[in-house]
Amino acid sequence: GKAHVGYLPSGKVLGLSKIARIVEMYSCRLQVQERLTKEIASAMTEVIHPAGVGVVIEATHMCMVMRGVQKTNSKTVTSSMLGVLKEDPRSRKEFLRLIYA
């Protein structure tokens, strides 16, 4: 799958490799995608206290592809927005536009 992570800094700036490490750290655990999305956004908020954080995860689940309904092109998209990205529709729209451009 893909994890899209964005934030609006309010002081501290985080290197790109650190963001990838945070995503990797949480995604190694066995858990539901909705919780994973929220945990990544919360971790970013705790570490750098940004003005806003947005996390969107797009993933293909093997239970949908191989078993049961066998929908080969299905994907699940979850999102978590905190701070300005949750409160300000313009900021949220810009973030979503950037990841789907």
PDB file of N, CA and C in Angstrom:
ATOM      1  N   GLY A   1       0.808  -1.185   0.000  1.00  0.00           N
ATOM      2  CA  GLY A   1       0.000   0.000   0.000  1.00  0.00           C
ATOM      3  C   GLY A   1       0.858   1.258   0.000  1.00  0.00           C
ATOM      4  N   LYS A   2       0.199   2.389   0.128  1.00  0.00           N
ATOM      5  CA  LYS A   2       0.867   3.684   0.157  1.00  0.00           C
ATOM      6  C   LYS A   2       0.419   4.451   1.391  1.00  0.00           C
ATOM      7  N   ALA A   3       1.355   5.176   1.976  1.00  0.00           N
ATOM      8  CA  ALA A   3       1.038   6.072   3.089  1.00  0.00           C
ATOM      9  C   ALA A   3       1.428   7.486   2.676  1.00  0.00           C
ATOM     10  N   HIS A   4       0.459   8.371   2.681  1.00  0.00           N
ATOM     11  CA  HIS A   4       0.697   9.785   2.380  1.00  0.00           C
ATOM     12  C   HIS A   4       0.685  10.530   3.711  1.00  0.00           C
ATOM     13  N   VAL A   5       1.792  11.199   4.022  1.00  0.00           N
ATOM     14  CA  VAL A   5       1.896  11.921   5.287  1.00  0.00           C
ATOM     15  C   VAL A   5       2.310  13.354   4.989  1.00  0.00           C
ATOM     16  N   GLY A   6       1.572  14.298   5.545  1.00  0.00           N
ATOM     17  CA  GLY A   6       1.911  15.705   5.386  1.00  0.00           C
ATOM     18  C   GLY A   6       1.690  16.432   6.700  1.00  0.00           C
ATOM     19  N   TYR A   7       2.432  17.508   6.893  1.00  0.00           N
ATOM     20  CA  TYR A   7       2.239  18.303   8.108  1.00  0.00           C
ATOM     21  C   TYR A   7       2.601  19.755   7.847  1.00  0.00           C
ATOM     22  N   LEU A   8       2.021  20.619   8.642  1.00  0.00           N
ATOM     23  CA  LEU A   8       2.343  22.049   8.603  1.00  0.00           C
ATOM     24  C   LEU A   8       3.182  22.351   9.841  1.00  0.00           C
ATOM     25  N   PRO A   9       4.470  22.622   9.658  1.00  0.00           N
ATOM     26  CA  PRO A   9       5.340  22.837  10.810  1.00  0.00           C
ATOM     27  C   PRO A   9       4.980  24.086  11.608  1.00  0.00           C
ATOM     28  N   SER A  10       5.258  24.012  12.887  1.00  0.00           N
ATOM     29  CA  SER A  10       5.134  25.207  13.736  1.00  0.00           C
ATOM     30  C   SER A  10       6.383  25.265  14.603  1.00  0.00           C
ATOM     31  N   GLY A  11       7.510  25.264  13.949  1.00  0.00           N
ATOM     32  CA  GLY A  11       8.787  25.277  14.660  1.00  0.00           C
ATOM     33  C   GLY A  11       9.688  24.156  14.149  1.00  0.00           C
ATOM     34  N   LYS A  12       9.524  22.962  14.702  1.00  0.00           N
ATOM     35  CA  LYS A  12      10.356  21.819  14.306  1.00  0.00           C
ATOM     36  C   LYS A  12       9.992  21.317  12.917  1.00  0.00           C
ATOM     37  N   VAL A  13      11.038  20.909  12.190  1.00  0.00           N
ATOM     38  CA  VAL A  13      10.863  20.289  10.883  1.00  0.00           C
ATOM     39  C   VAL A  13      11.457  18.887  10.963  1.00  0.00           C
ATOM     40  N   LEU A  14      10.753  17.938  10.399  1.00  0.00           N
ATOM     41  CA  LEU A  14      11.177  16.543  10.463  1.00  0.00           C
ATOM     42  C   LEU A  14      11.715  16.116   9.112  1.00  0.00           C
ATOM     43  N   GLY A  15      12.844  15.399   9.090  1.00  0.00           N
ATOM     44  CA  GLY A  15      13.422  14.906   7.843  1.00  0.00           C
ATOM     45  C   GLY A  15      12.548  13.828   7.218  1.00  0.00           C
ATOM     46  N   LEU A  16      12.621  13.708   5.914  1.00  0.00           N
ATOM     47  CA  LEU A  16      11.795  12.732   5.201  1.00  0.00           C
ATOM     48  C   LEU A  16      12.041  11.302   5.667  1.00  0.00           C
ATOM     49  N   SER A  17      13.283  10.966   5.964  1.00  0.00           N
ATOM     50  CA  SER A  17      13.569   9.599   6.409  1.00  0.00           C
ATOM     51  C   SER A  17      12.928   9.299   7.762  1.00  0.00           C
ATOM     52  N   LYS A  18      12.788  10.327   8.585  1.00  0.00           N
ATOM     53  CA  LYS A  18      12.139  10.127   9.905  1.00  0.00           C
ATOM     54  C   LYS A  18      10.653   9.827   9.738  1.00  0.00           C
ATOM     55  N   ILE A  19      10.021  10.506   8.778  1.00  0.00           N
ATOM     56  CA  ILE A  19       8.611  10.241   8.515  1.00  0.00           C
ATOM     57  C   ILE A  19       8.435   8.805   8.036  1.00  0.00           C
ATOM     58  N   ALA A  20       9.301   8.382   7.131  1.00  0.00           N
ATOM     59  CA  ALA A  20       9.245   7.001   6.636  1.00  0.00           C
ATOM     60  C   ALA A  20       9.465   6.007   7.774  1.00  0.00           C
ATOM     61  N   ARG A  21      10.375   6.332   8.705  1.00  0.00           N
ATOM     62  CA  ARG A  21      10.622   5.450   9.853  1.00  0.00           C
ATOM     63  C   ARG A  21       9.408   5.330  10.759  1.00  0.00           C
ATOM     64  N   ILE A  22       8.720   6.439  10.983  1.00  0.00           N
ATOM     65  CA  ILE A  22       7.508   6.414  11.814  1.00  0.00           C
ATOM     66  C   ILE A  22       6.456   5.517  11.166  1.00  0.00           C
ATOM     67  N   VAL A  23       6.254   5.686   9.856  1.00  0.00           N
ATOM     68  CA  VAL A  23       5.283   4.849   9.137  1.00  0.00           C
ATOM     69  C   VAL A  23       5.682   3.386   9.229  1.00  0.00           C
ATOM     70  N   GLU A  24       6.938   3.091   8.994  1.00  0.00           N
ATOM     71  CA  GLU A  24       7.433   1.710   9.033  1.00  0.00           C
ATOM     72  C   GLU A  24       7.280   1.097  10.425  1.00  0.00           C
ATOM     73  N   MET A  25       7.595   1.870  11.450  1.00  0.00           N
ATOM     74  CA  MET A  25       7.518   1.370  12.817  1.00  0.00           C
ATOM     75  C   MET A  25       6.100   0.923  13.171  1.00  0.00           C
ATOM     76  N   TYR A  26       5.120   1.748  12.823  1.00  0.00           N
ATOM     77  CA  TYR A  26       3.731   1.405  13.156  1.00  0.00           C
ATOM     78  C   TYR A  26       3.142   0.360  12.216  1.00  0.00           C
ATOM     79  N   SER A  27       3.579   0.337  10.969  1.00  0.00           N
ATOM     80  CA  SER A  27       2.987  -0.593  10.005  1.00  0.00           C
ATOM     81  C   SER A  27       3.486  -2.031  10.177  1.00  0.00           C
ATOM     82  N   CYS A  28       4.560  -2.237  10.929  1.00  0.00           N
ATOM     83  CA  CYS A  28       5.059  -3.597  11.168  1.00  0.00           C
ATOM     84  C   CYS A  28       4.168  -4.384  12.123  1.00  0.00           C
ATOM     85  N   ARG A  29       3.349  -3.701  12.878  1.00  0.00           N
ATOM     86  CA  ARG A  29       2.462  -4.369  13.833  1.00  0.00           C
ATOM     87  C   ARG A  29       1.228  -4.915  13.122  1.00  0.00           C
ATOM     88  N   LEU A  30       0.689  -5.995  13.650  1.00  0.00           N
ATOM     89  CA  LEU A  30      -0.557  -6.540  13.133  1.00  0.00           C
ATOM     90  C   LEU A  30      -1.714  -5.734  13.720  1.00  0.00           C
ATOM     91  N   GLN A  31      -2.421  -4.973  12.870  1.00  0.00           N
ATOM     92  CA  GLN A  31      -3.509  -4.124  13.351  1.00  0.00           C
ATOM     93  C   GLN A  31      -4.393  -3.706  12.194  1.00  0.00           C
ATOM     94  N   VAL A  32      -5.505  -3.100  12.515  1.00  0.00           N
ATOM     95  CA  VAL A  32      -6.409  -2.641  11.463  1.00  0.00           C
ATOM     96  C   VAL A  32      -5.896  -1.320  10.889  1.00  0.00           C
ATOM     97  N   GLN A  33      -6.213  -1.081   9.633  1.00  0.00           N
ATOM     98  CA  GLN A  33      -5.714   0.091   8.918  1.00  0.00           C
ATOM     99  C   GLN A  33      -6.185   1.397   9.554  1.00  0.00           C
ATOM    100  N   GLU A  34      -7.409   1.422  10.056  1.00  0.00           N
ATOM    101  CA  GLU A  34      -7.933   2.640  10.669  1.00  0.00           C
ATOM    102  C   GLU A  34      -7.092   3.065  11.870  1.00  0.00           C
ATOM    103  N   ARG A  35      -6.714   2.106  12.709  1.00  0.00           N
ATOM    104  CA  ARG A  35      -5.885   2.410  13.881  1.00  0.00           C
ATOM    105  C   ARG A  35      -4.494   2.844  13.447  1.00  0.00           C
ATOM    106  N   LEU A  36      -3.930   2.178  12.451  1.00  0.00           N
ATOM    107  CA  LEU A  36      -2.606   2.527  11.941  1.00  0.00           C
ATOM    108  C   LEU A  36      -2.574   3.985  11.485  1.00  0.00           C
ATOM    109  N   THR A  37      -3.593   4.401  10.764  1.00  0.00           N
ATOM    110  CA  THR A  37      -3.670   5.775  10.257  1.00  0.00           C
ATOM    111  C   THR A  37      -3.668   6.776  11.407  1.00  0.00           C
ATOM    112  N   LYS A  38      -4.480   6.514  12.419  1.00  0.00           N
ATOM    113  CA  LYS A  38      -4.561   7.413  13.577  1.00  0.00           C
ATOM    114  C   LYS A  38      -3.261   7.420  14.381  1.00  0.00           C
ATOM    115  N   GLU A  39      -2.620   6.255  14.531  1.00  0.00           N
ATOM    116  CA  GLU A  39      -1.371   6.180  15.311  1.00  0.00           C
ATOM    117  C   GLU A  39      -0.249   6.976  14.652  1.00  0.00           C
ATOM    118  N   ILE A  40      -0.154   6.917  13.343  1.00  0.00           N
ATOM    119  CA  ILE A  40       0.888   7.676  12.639  1.00  0.00           C
ATOM    120  C   ILE A  40       0.652   9.175  12.828  1.00  0.00           C
ATOM    121  N   ALA A  41      -0.589   9.625  12.667  1.00  0.00           N
ATOM    122  CA  ALA A  41      -0.906  11.052  12.844  1.00  0.00           C
ATOM    123  C   ALA A  41      -0.629  11.496  14.277  1.00  0.00           C
ATOM    124  N   SER A  42      -1.004  10.668  15.255  1.00  0.00           N
ATOM    125  CA  SER A  42      -0.763  11.011  16.664  1.00  0.00           C
ATOM    126  C   SER A  42       0.726  11.068  16.977  1.00  0.00           C
ATOM    127  N   ALA A  43       1.501  10.127  16.438  1.00  0.00           N
ATOM    128  CA  ALA A  43       2.948  10.115  16.686  1.00  0.00           C
ATOM    129  C   ALA A  43       3.606  11.367  16.128  1.00  0.00           C
ATOM    130  N   MET A  44       3.205  11.768  14.924  1.00  0.00           N
ATOM    131  CA  MET A  44       3.760  12.987  14.335  1.00  0.00           C
ATOM    132  C   MET A  44       3.443  14.190  15.217  1.00  0.00           C
ATOM    133  N   THR A  45       2.221  14.238  15.742  1.00  0.00           N
ATOM    134  CA  THR A  45       1.806  15.349  16.596  1.00  0.00           C
ATOM    135  C   THR A  45       2.607  15.372  17.889  1.00  0.00           C
ATOM    136  N   GLU A  46       2.821  14.211  18.501  1.00  0.00           N
ATOM    137  CA  GLU A  46       3.580  14.137  19.754  1.00  0.00           C
ATOM    138  C   GLU A  46       5.043  14.513  19.572  1.00  0.00           C
ATOM    139  N   VAL A  47       5.635  14.141  18.448  1.00  0.00           N
ATOM    140  CA  VAL A  47       7.068  14.344  18.228  1.00  0.00           C
ATOM    141  C   VAL A  47       7.399  15.798  17.892  1.00  0.00           C
ATOM    142  N   ILE A  48       6.648  16.420  16.971  1.00  0.00           N
ATOM    143  CA  ILE A  48       7.055  17.753  16.496  1.00  0.00           C
ATOM    144  C   ILE A  48       6.037  18.863  16.763  1.00  0.00           C
ATOM    145  N   HIS A  49       4.892  18.545  17.317  1.00  0.00           N
ATOM    146  CA  HIS A  49       3.854  19.536  17.642  1.00  0.00           C
ATOM    147  C   HIS A  49       3.587  20.484  16.469  1.00  0.00           C
ATOM    148  N   PRO A  50       3.186  19.935  15.321  1.00  0.00           N
ATOM    149  CA  PRO A  50       2.932  20.786  14.157  1.00  0.00           C
ATOM    150  C   PRO A  50       1.592  21.500  14.261  1.00  0.00           C
ATOM    151  N   ALA A  51       1.365  22.446  13.354  1.00  0.00           N
ATOM    152  CA  ALA A  51       0.070  23.118  13.293  1.00  0.00           C
ATOM    153  C   ALA A  51      -1.008  22.160  12.801  1.00  0.00           C
ATOM    154  N   GLY A  52      -0.615  21.203  11.976  1.00  0.00           N
ATOM    155  CA  GLY A  52      -1.568  20.217  11.468  1.00  0.00           C
ATOM    156  C   GLY A  52      -0.860  19.017  10.882  1.00  0.00           C
ATOM    157  N   VAL A  53      -1.534  17.869  10.908  1.00  0.00           N
ATOM    158  CA  VAL A  53      -0.997  16.622  10.345  1.00  0.00           C
ATOM    159  C   VAL A  53      -2.104  15.957   9.540  1.00  0.00           C
ATOM    160  N   GLY A  54      -1.720  15.421   8.388  1.00  0.00           N
ATOM    161  CA  GLY A  54      -2.647  14.631   7.584  1.00  0.00           C
ATOM    162  C   GLY A  54      -1.999  13.318   7.200  1.00  0.00           C
ATOM    163  N   VAL A  55      -2.732  12.225   7.362  1.00  0.00           N
ATOM    164  CA  VAL A  55      -2.251  10.899   6.971  1.00  0.00           C
ATOM    165  C   VAL A  55      -3.362  10.221   6.176  1.00  0.00           C
ATOM    166  N   VAL A  56      -3.022   9.752   4.982  1.00  0.00           N
ATOM    167  CA  VAL A  56      -3.953   8.991   4.156  1.00  0.00           C
ATOM    168  C   VAL A  56      -3.239   7.707   3.769  1.00  0.00           C
ATOM    169  N   ILE A  57      -3.877   6.570   4.037  1.00  0.00           N
ATOM    170  CA  ILE A  57      -3.296   5.274   3.687  1.00  0.00           C
ATOM    171  C   ILE A  57      -4.203   4.585   2.684  1.00  0.00           C
ATOM    172  N   GLU A  58      -3.594   4.145   1.586  1.00  0.00           N
ATOM    173  CA  GLU A  58      -4.280   3.371   0.558  1.00  0.00           C
ATOM    174  C   GLU A  58      -3.646   1.983   0.560  1.00  0.00           C
ATOM    175  N   ALA A  59      -4.449   0.939   0.740  1.00  0.00           N
ATOM    176  CA  ALA A  59      -3.871  -0.403   0.807  1.00  0.00           C
ATOM    177  C   ALA A  59      -4.790  -1.442   0.180  1.00  0.00           C
ATOM    178  N   THR A  60      -4.158  -2.453  -0.397  1.00  0.00           N
ATOM    179  CA  THR A  60      -4.865  -3.626  -0.899  1.00  0.00           C
ATOM    180  C   THR A  60      -4.777  -4.693   0.181  1.00  0.00           C
ATOM    181  N   HIS A  61      -5.897  -5.267   0.514  1.00  0.00           N
ATOM    182  CA  HIS A  61      -5.933  -6.280   1.563  1.00  0.00           C
ATOM    183  C   HIS A  61      -6.080  -7.660   0.934  1.00  0.00           C
ATOM    184  N   MET A  62      -5.186  -8.550   1.309  1.00  0.00           N
ATOM    185  CA  MET A  62      -5.187  -9.890   0.716  1.00  0.00           C
ATOM    186  C   MET A  62      -6.478 -10.657   0.992  1.00  0.00           C
ATOM    187  N   CYS A  63      -7.157 -10.353   2.087  1.00  0.00           N
ATOM    188  CA  CYS A  63      -8.418 -11.034   2.372  1.00  0.00           C
ATOM    189  C   CYS A  63      -9.478 -10.679   1.331  1.00  0.00           C
ATOM    190  N   MET A  64      -9.350  -9.503   0.712  1.00  0.00           N
ATOM    191  CA  MET A  64     -10.285  -9.087  -0.345  1.00  0.00           C
ATOM    192  C   MET A  64      -9.865  -9.619  -1.708  1.00  0.00           C
ATOM    193  N   VAL A  65      -8.566  -9.767  -1.919  1.00  0.00           N
ATOM    194  CA  VAL A  65      -8.045 -10.153  -3.221  1.00  0.00           C
ATOM    195  C   VAL A  65      -8.033 -11.668  -3.409  1.00  0.00           C
ATOM    196  N   MET A  66      -7.614 -12.396  -2.397  1.00  0.00           N
ATOM    197  CA  MET A  66      -7.390 -13.838  -2.546  1.00  0.00           C
ATOM    198  C   MET A  66      -8.548 -14.686  -2.026  1.00  0.00           C
ATOM    199  N   ARG A  67      -9.204 -14.221  -0.976  1.00  0.00           N
ATOM    200  CA  ARG A  67     -10.259 -15.015  -0.358  1.00  0.00           C
ATOM    201  C   ARG A  67     -11.597 -14.302  -0.502  1.00  0.00           C
ATOM    202  N   GLY A  68     -12.615 -14.931  -0.083  1.00  0.00           N
ATOM    203  CA  GLY A  68     -13.933 -14.301  -0.023  1.00  0.00           C
ATOM    204  C   GLY A  68     -14.420 -13.766  -1.348  1.00  0.00           C
ATOM    205  N   VAL A  69     -14.602 -12.462  -1.438  1.00  0.00           N
ATOM    206  CA  VAL A  69     -15.206 -11.846  -2.624  1.00  0.00           C
ATOM    207  C   VAL A  69     -14.274 -11.782  -3.830  1.00  0.00           C
ATOM    208  N   GLN A  70     -12.982 -11.920  -3.635  1.00  0.00           N
ATOM    209  CA  GLN A  70     -11.957 -11.922  -4.687  1.00  0.00           C
ATOM    210  C   GLN A  70     -12.063 -10.721  -5.628  1.00  0.00           C
ATOM    211  N   LYS A  71     -12.030  -9.554  -5.067  1.00  0.00           N
ATOM    212  CA  LYS A  71     -12.039  -8.305  -5.828  1.00  0.00           C
ATOM    213  C   LYS A  71     -10.608  -7.846  -6.031  1.00  0.00           C
ATOM    214  N   THR A  72     -10.038  -8.136  -7.185  1.00  0.00           N
ATOM    215  CA  THR A  72      -8.612  -7.921  -7.422  1.00  0.00           C
ATOM    216  C   THR A  72      -8.186  -6.457  -7.427  1.00  0.00           C
ATOM    217  N   ASN A  73      -9.037  -5.550  -7.820  1.00  0.00           N
ATOM    218  CA  ASN A  73      -8.649  -4.143  -7.905  1.00  0.00           C
ATOM    219  C   ASN A  73      -9.150  -3.308  -6.739  1.00  0.00           C
ATOM    220  N   SER A  74      -9.573  -3.959  -5.673  1.00  0.00           N
ATOM    221  CA  SER A  74     -10.113  -3.199  -4.544  1.00  0.00           C
ATOM    222  C   SER A  74      -8.988  -2.664  -3.669  1.00  0.00           C
ATOM    223  N   LYS A  75      -9.219  -1.492  -3.106  1.00  0.00           N
ATOM    224  CA  LYS A  75      -8.285  -0.935  -2.135  1.00  0.00           C
ATOM    225  C   LYS A  75      -9.087  -0.198  -1.078  1.00  0.00           C
ATOM    226  N   THR A  76      -8.513  -0.121   0.097  1.00  0.00           N
ATOM    227  CA  THR A  76      -9.147   0.556   1.212  1.00  0.00           C
ATOM    228  C   THR A  76      -8.370   1.833   1.489  1.00  0.00           C
ATOM    229  N   VAL A  77      -9.085   2.940   1.632  1.00  0.00           N
ATOM    230  CA  VAL A  77      -8.450   4.235   1.894  1.00  0.00           C
ATOM    231  C   VAL A  77      -8.950   4.745   3.243  1.00  0.00           C
ATOM    232  N   THR A  78      -8.006   5.062   4.131  1.00  0.00           N
ATOM    233  CA  THR A  78      -8.351   5.647   5.430  1.00  0.00           C
ATOM    234  C   THR A  78      -7.587   6.953   5.591  1.00  0.00           C
ATOM    235  N   SER A  79      -8.146   7.859   6.383  1.00  0.00           N
ATOM    236  CA  SER A  79      -7.464   9.134   6.600  1.00  0.00           C
ATOM    237  C   SER A  79      -7.622   9.589   8.039  1.00  0.00           C
ATOM    238  N   SER A  80      -6.643  10.373   8.473  1.00  0.00           N
ATOM    239  CA  SER A  80      -6.690  11.005   9.785  1.00  0.00           C
ATOM    240  C   SER A  80      -6.117  12.406   9.635  1.00  0.00           C
ATOM    241  N   MET A  81      -6.898  13.389  10.011  1.00  0.00           N
ATOM    242  CA  MET A  81      -6.477  14.785   9.939  1.00  0.00           C
ATOM    243  C   MET A  81      -6.515  15.366  11.342  1.00  0.00           C
ATOM    244  N   LEU A  82      -5.456  16.060  11.716  1.00  0.00           N
ATOM    245  CA  LEU A  82      -5.382  16.687  13.026  1.00  0.00           C
ATOM    246  C   LEU A  82      -5.009  18.161  12.880  1.00  0.00           C
ATOM    247  N   GLY A  83      -5.389  18.961  13.856  1.00  0.00           N
ATOM    248  CA  GLY A  83      -5.026  20.376  13.873  1.00  0.00           C
ATOM    249  C   GLY A  83      -5.649  21.145  12.726  1.00  0.00           C
ATOM    250  N   VAL A  84      -4.847  21.973  12.072  1.00  0.00           N
ATOM    251  CA  VAL A  84      -5.310  22.837  10.990  1.00  0.00           C
ATOM    252  C   VAL A  84      -5.897  22.027   9.834  1.00  0.00           C
ATOM    253  N   LEU A  85      -5.323  20.861   9.549  1.00  0.00           N
ATOM    254  CA  LEU A  85      -5.829  20.064   8.439  1.00  0.00           C
ATOM    255  C   LEU A  85      -7.208  19.481   8.730  1.00  0.00           C
ATOM    256  N   LYS A  86      -7.572  19.415   9.988  1.00  0.00           N
ATOM    257  CA  LYS A  86      -8.922  18.966  10.357  1.00  0.00           C
ATOM    258  C   LYS A  86      -9.880  20.155  10.404  1.00  0.00           C
ATOM    259  N   GLU A  87      -9.389  21.272  10.913  1.00  0.00           N
ATOM    260  CA  GLU A  87     -10.255  22.419  11.181  1.00  0.00           C
ATOM    261  C   GLU A  87     -10.463  23.343   9.978  1.00  0.00           C
ATOM    262  N   ASP A  88      -9.463  23.481   9.131  1.00  0.00           N
ATOM    263  CA  ASP A  88      -9.518  24.427   8.020  1.00  0.00           C
ATOM    264  C   ASP A  88      -9.754  23.692   6.694  1.00  0.00           C
ATOM    265  N   PRO A  89     -10.932  23.838   6.099  1.00  0.00           N
ATOM    266  CA  PRO A  89     -11.240  23.128   4.853  1.00  0.00           C
ATOM    267  C   PRO A  89     -10.273  23.448   3.708  1.00  0.00           C
ATOM    268  N   ARG A  90      -9.765  24.680   3.647  1.00  0.00           N
ATOM    269  CA  ARG A  90      -8.831  25.032   2.571  1.00  0.00           C
ATOM    270  C   ARG A  90      -7.515  24.285   2.701  1.00  0.00           C
ATOM    271  N   SER A  91      -6.989  24.187   3.922  1.00  0.00           N
ATOM    272  CA  SER A  91      -5.733  23.459   4.145  1.00  0.00           C
ATOM    273  C   SER A  91      -5.914  21.981   3.844  1.00  0.00           C
ATOM    274  N   ARG A  92      -7.032  21.429   4.291  1.00  0.00           N
ATOM    275  CA  ARG A  92      -7.315  20.005   4.044  1.00  0.00           C
ATOM    276  C   ARG A  92      -7.442  19.741   2.543  1.00  0.00           C
ATOM    277  N   LYS A  93      -8.136  20.634   1.838  1.00  0.00           N
ATOM    278  CA  LYS A  93      -8.315  20.482   0.394  1.00  0.00           C
ATOM    279  C   LYS A  93      -6.971  20.527  -0.332  1.00  0.00           C
ATOM    280  N   GLU A  94      -6.095  21.440   0.097  1.00  0.00           N
ATOM    281  CA  GLU A  94      -4.767  21.534  -0.526  1.00  0.00           C
ATOM    282  C   GLU A  94      -3.969  20.256  -0.313  1.00  0.00           C
ATOM    283  N   PHE A  95      -3.994  19.723   0.920  1.00  0.00           N
ATOM    284  CA  PHE A  95      -3.276  18.474   1.211  1.00  0.00           C
ATOM    285  C   PHE A  95      -3.793  17.338   0.336  1.00  0.00           C
ATOM    286  N   LEU A  96      -5.105  17.176   0.283  1.00  0.00           N
ATOM    287  CA  LEU A  96      -5.691  16.096  -0.502  1.00  0.00           C
ATOM    288  C   LEU A  96      -5.420  16.276  -1.999  1.00  0.00           C
ATOM    289  N   ARG A  97      -5.430  17.520  -2.460  1.00  0.00           N
ATOM    290  CA  ARG A  97      -5.121  17.796  -3.869  1.00  0.00           C
ATOM    291  C   ARG A  97      -3.681  17.397  -4.199  1.00  0.00           C
ATOM    292  N   LEU A  98      -2.771  17.682  -3.292  1.00  0.00           N
ATOM    293  CA  LEU A  98      -1.355  17.345  -3.517  1.00  0.00           C
ATOM    294  C   LEU A  98      -1.127  15.842  -3.589  1.00  0.00           C
ATOM    295  N   ILE A  99      -1.811  15.086  -2.747  1.00  0.00           N
ATOM    296  CA  ILE A  99      -1.535  13.634  -2.767  1.00  0.00           C
ATOM    297  C   ILE A  99      -2.237  12.928  -3.917  1.00  0.00           C
ATOM    298  N   TYR A 100      -3.287  13.522  -4.453  1.00  0.00           N
ATOM    299  CA  TYR A 100      -3.998  12.888  -5.559  1.00  0.00           C
ATOM    300  C   TYR A 100      -3.725  13.554  -6.897  1.00  0.00           C
ATOM    301  N   ALA A 101      -2.695  14.417  -6.966  1.00  0.00           N
ATOM    302  CA  ALA A 101      -2.349  15.107  -8.220  1.00  0.00           C
ATOM    303  C   ALA A 101      -1.662  14.174  -9.203  1.00  0.00           C
TER     304      ALA A 101
END
